[in-house]
Amino acid sequence: MLSLTGLTPERLRHGIEDRGVQAAVLEFLANHEPDLVLAADALSTTPDALVAACRELNA
């Protein structure tokens, strides 16, 4: 994920409240269905909710 999003581990850890970082993570998940499903399950939400959040952040 880091190489595809351009994020560094430090940037991810320290920037998780940043809208751009959130958008990058959600965009990655939206484009990688196996990870999207696993993340949604871990967060007790649906893949559709994560994709909707990605769209909202990128609007």
N, C-alpha and C. Protein backbone atom coordinates (compact mmCIF):
# COMPACT_ATOMS: atom_id res chain seq x y z
N MET A 1 0.82 -1.19 0.00
CA MET A 1 0.00 0.00 0.00
C MET A 1 0.87 1.26 0.00
N LEU A 2 1.91 1.26 0.80
CA LEU A 2 2.73 2.47 0.90
C LEU A 2 3.34 2.85 -0.44
N SER A 3 3.86 1.89 -1.17
CA SER A 3 4.48 2.22 -2.45
C SER A 3 3.45 2.69 -3.47
N LEU A 4 2.25 2.19 -3.39
CA LEU A 4 1.20 2.59 -4.33
C LEU A 4 0.60 3.95 -4.00
N THR A 5 0.56 4.30 -2.71
CA THR A 5 -0.04 5.58 -2.32
C THR A 5 0.99 6.70 -2.20
N GLY A 6 2.26 6.34 -2.10
CA GLY A 6 3.30 7.34 -1.91
C GLY A 6 3.48 7.75 -0.46
N LEU A 7 2.74 7.12 0.44
CA LEU A 7 2.85 7.42 1.86
C LEU A 7 4.06 6.72 2.44
N THR A 8 4.64 7.33 3.45
CA THR A 8 5.69 6.67 4.23
C THR A 8 5.04 6.18 5.52
N PRO A 9 5.66 5.21 6.20
CA PRO A 9 5.08 4.76 7.47
C PRO A 9 4.92 5.92 8.46
N GLU A 10 5.90 6.80 8.50
CA GLU A 10 5.83 7.94 9.42
C GLU A 10 4.67 8.87 9.05
N ARG A 11 4.53 9.17 7.77
CA ARG A 11 3.44 10.04 7.32
C ARG A 11 2.09 9.43 7.63
N LEU A 12 1.97 8.13 7.47
CA LEU A 12 0.72 7.45 7.77
C LEU A 12 0.41 7.53 9.26
N ARG A 13 1.41 7.23 10.09
CA ARG A 13 1.19 7.28 11.54
C ARG A 13 0.85 8.67 12.03
N HIS A 14 1.55 9.66 11.54
CA HIS A 14 1.37 11.02 12.05
C HIS A 14 0.32 11.83 11.30
N GLY A 15 -0.16 11.30 10.21
CA GLY A 15 -1.10 12.07 9.42
C GLY A 15 -2.47 11.46 9.27
N ILE A 16 -2.78 10.46 10.08
CA ILE A 16 -4.04 9.74 9.89
C ILE A 16 -5.26 10.65 10.05
N GLU A 17 -5.12 11.76 10.75
CA GLU A 17 -6.24 12.69 10.88
C GLU A 17 -6.31 13.67 9.71
N ASP A 18 -5.31 13.63 8.84
CA ASP A 18 -5.26 14.50 7.67
C ASP A 18 -6.17 13.95 6.57
N ARG A 19 -7.00 14.80 6.01
CA ARG A 19 -7.96 14.40 4.98
C ARG A 19 -7.26 13.76 3.78
N GLY A 20 -6.11 14.27 3.39
CA GLY A 20 -5.38 13.71 2.26
C GLY A 20 -4.89 12.30 2.52
N VAL A 21 -4.42 12.06 3.73
CA VAL A 21 -3.96 10.73 4.11
C VAL A 21 -5.15 9.77 4.15
N GLN A 22 -6.24 10.20 4.73
CA GLN A 22 -7.44 9.36 4.77
C GLN A 22 -7.89 9.02 3.36
N ALA A 23 -7.89 10.01 2.48
CA ALA A 23 -8.31 9.78 1.10
C ALA A 23 -7.39 8.78 0.41
N ALA A 24 -6.09 8.88 0.63
CA ALA A 24 -5.14 7.97 0.01
C ALA A 24 -5.35 6.53 0.47
N VAL A 25 -5.57 6.36 1.76
CA VAL A 25 -5.80 5.02 2.30
C VAL A 25 -7.10 4.45 1.75
N LEU A 26 -8.16 5.24 1.77
CA LEU A 26 -9.44 4.74 1.28
C LEU A 26 -9.41 4.49 -0.23
N GLU A 27 -8.69 5.31 -0.95
CA GLU A 27 -8.55 5.08 -2.40
C GLU A 27 -7.83 3.76 -2.66
N PHE A 28 -6.79 3.51 -1.90
CA PHE A 28 -6.11 2.23 -2.03
C PHE A 28 -7.08 1.09 -1.78
N LEU A 29 -7.82 1.17 -0.69
CA LEU A 29 -8.75 0.09 -0.35
C LEU A 29 -9.83 -0.07 -1.42
N ALA A 30 -10.34 1.04 -1.93
CA ALA A 30 -11.40 0.98 -2.94
C ALA A 30 -10.92 0.28 -4.21
N ASN A 31 -9.62 0.32 -4.46
CA ASN A 31 -9.07 -0.30 -5.67
C ASN A 31 -8.49 -1.68 -5.44
N HIS A 32 -8.58 -2.19 -4.23
CA HIS A 32 -8.04 -3.52 -3.90
C HIS A 32 -9.08 -4.26 -3.06
N GLU A 33 -10.00 -4.92 -3.75
CA GLU A 33 -11.16 -5.51 -3.09
C GLU A 33 -10.84 -6.44 -1.92
N PRO A 34 -9.85 -7.32 -2.01
CA PRO A 34 -9.59 -8.19 -0.85
C PRO A 34 -9.26 -7.38 0.41
N ASP A 35 -8.44 -6.34 0.25
CA ASP A 35 -8.10 -5.49 1.40
C ASP A 35 -9.30 -4.67 1.85
N LEU A 36 -10.12 -4.24 0.90
CA LEU A 36 -11.33 -3.48 1.23
C LEU A 36 -12.25 -4.31 2.11
N VAL A 37 -12.47 -5.55 1.73
CA VAL A 37 -13.36 -6.43 2.49
C VAL A 37 -12.79 -6.70 3.89
N LEU A 38 -11.49 -6.96 3.96
CA LEU A 38 -10.86 -7.20 5.26
C LEU A 38 -10.93 -5.96 6.16
N ALA A 39 -10.67 -4.79 5.59
CA ALA A 39 -10.73 -3.55 6.37
C ALA A 39 -12.14 -3.28 6.86
N ALA A 40 -13.11 -3.47 5.99
CA ALA A 40 -14.50 -3.24 6.38
C ALA A 40 -14.89 -4.17 7.53
N ASP A 41 -14.50 -5.42 7.43
CA ASP A 41 -14.80 -6.37 8.50
C ASP A 41 -14.13 -5.96 9.80
N ALA A 42 -12.87 -5.56 9.73
CA ALA A 42 -12.14 -5.16 10.94
C ALA A 42 -12.73 -3.91 11.57
N LEU A 43 -13.34 -3.05 10.75
CA LEU A 43 -13.93 -1.81 11.25
C LEU A 43 -15.43 -1.93 11.52
N SER A 44 -15.97 -3.14 11.39
CA SER A 44 -17.40 -3.39 11.59
C SER A 44 -18.26 -2.47 10.74
N THR A 45 -17.91 -2.38 9.47
CA THR A 45 -18.67 -1.59 8.52
C THR A 45 -18.76 -2.38 7.22
N THR A 46 -19.26 -1.74 6.18
CA THR A 46 -19.38 -2.43 4.90
C THR A 46 -18.37 -1.86 3.90
N PRO A 47 -18.01 -2.66 2.91
CA PRO A 47 -17.15 -2.12 1.86
C PRO A 47 -17.77 -0.90 1.18
N ASP A 48 -19.08 -0.93 0.99
CA ASP A 48 -19.76 0.21 0.36
C ASP A 48 -19.59 1.49 1.17
N ALA A 49 -19.62 1.37 2.49
CA ALA A 49 -19.44 2.56 3.34
C ALA A 49 -18.04 3.13 3.19
N LEU A 50 -17.05 2.28 3.07
CA LEU A 50 -15.67 2.76 2.89
C LEU A 50 -15.49 3.41 1.52
N VAL A 51 -16.10 2.83 0.50
CA VAL A 51 -16.02 3.42 -0.85
C VAL A 51 -16.74 4.76 -0.86
N ALA A 52 -17.88 4.87 -0.19
CA ALA A 52 -18.60 6.14 -0.11
C ALA A 52 -17.77 7.20 0.61
N ALA A 53 -17.07 6.80 1.67
CA ALA A 53 -16.21 7.73 2.38
C ALA A 53 -15.07 8.20 1.48
N CYS A 54 -14.54 7.29 0.68
CA CYS A 54 -13.49 7.65 -0.27
C CYS A 54 -13.99 8.69 -1.26
N ARG A 55 -15.16 8.47 -1.81
CA ARG A 55 -15.74 9.42 -2.75
C ARG A 55 -15.95 10.78 -2.11
N GLU A 56 -16.44 10.78 -0.88
CA GLU A 56 -16.69 12.05 -0.18
C GLU A 56 -15.38 12.81 0.07
N LEU A 57 -14.36 12.10 0.47
CA LEU A 57 -13.07 12.76 0.72
C LEU A 57 -12.44 13.29 -0.56
N ASN A 58 -12.70 12.64 -1.67
CA ASN A 58 -12.12 13.05 -2.94
C ASN A 58 -12.98 14.07 -3.69
N ALA A 59 -14.11 14.43 -3.13
CA ALA A 59 -15.00 15.39 -3.80
C ALA A 59 -14.51 16.81 -3.65
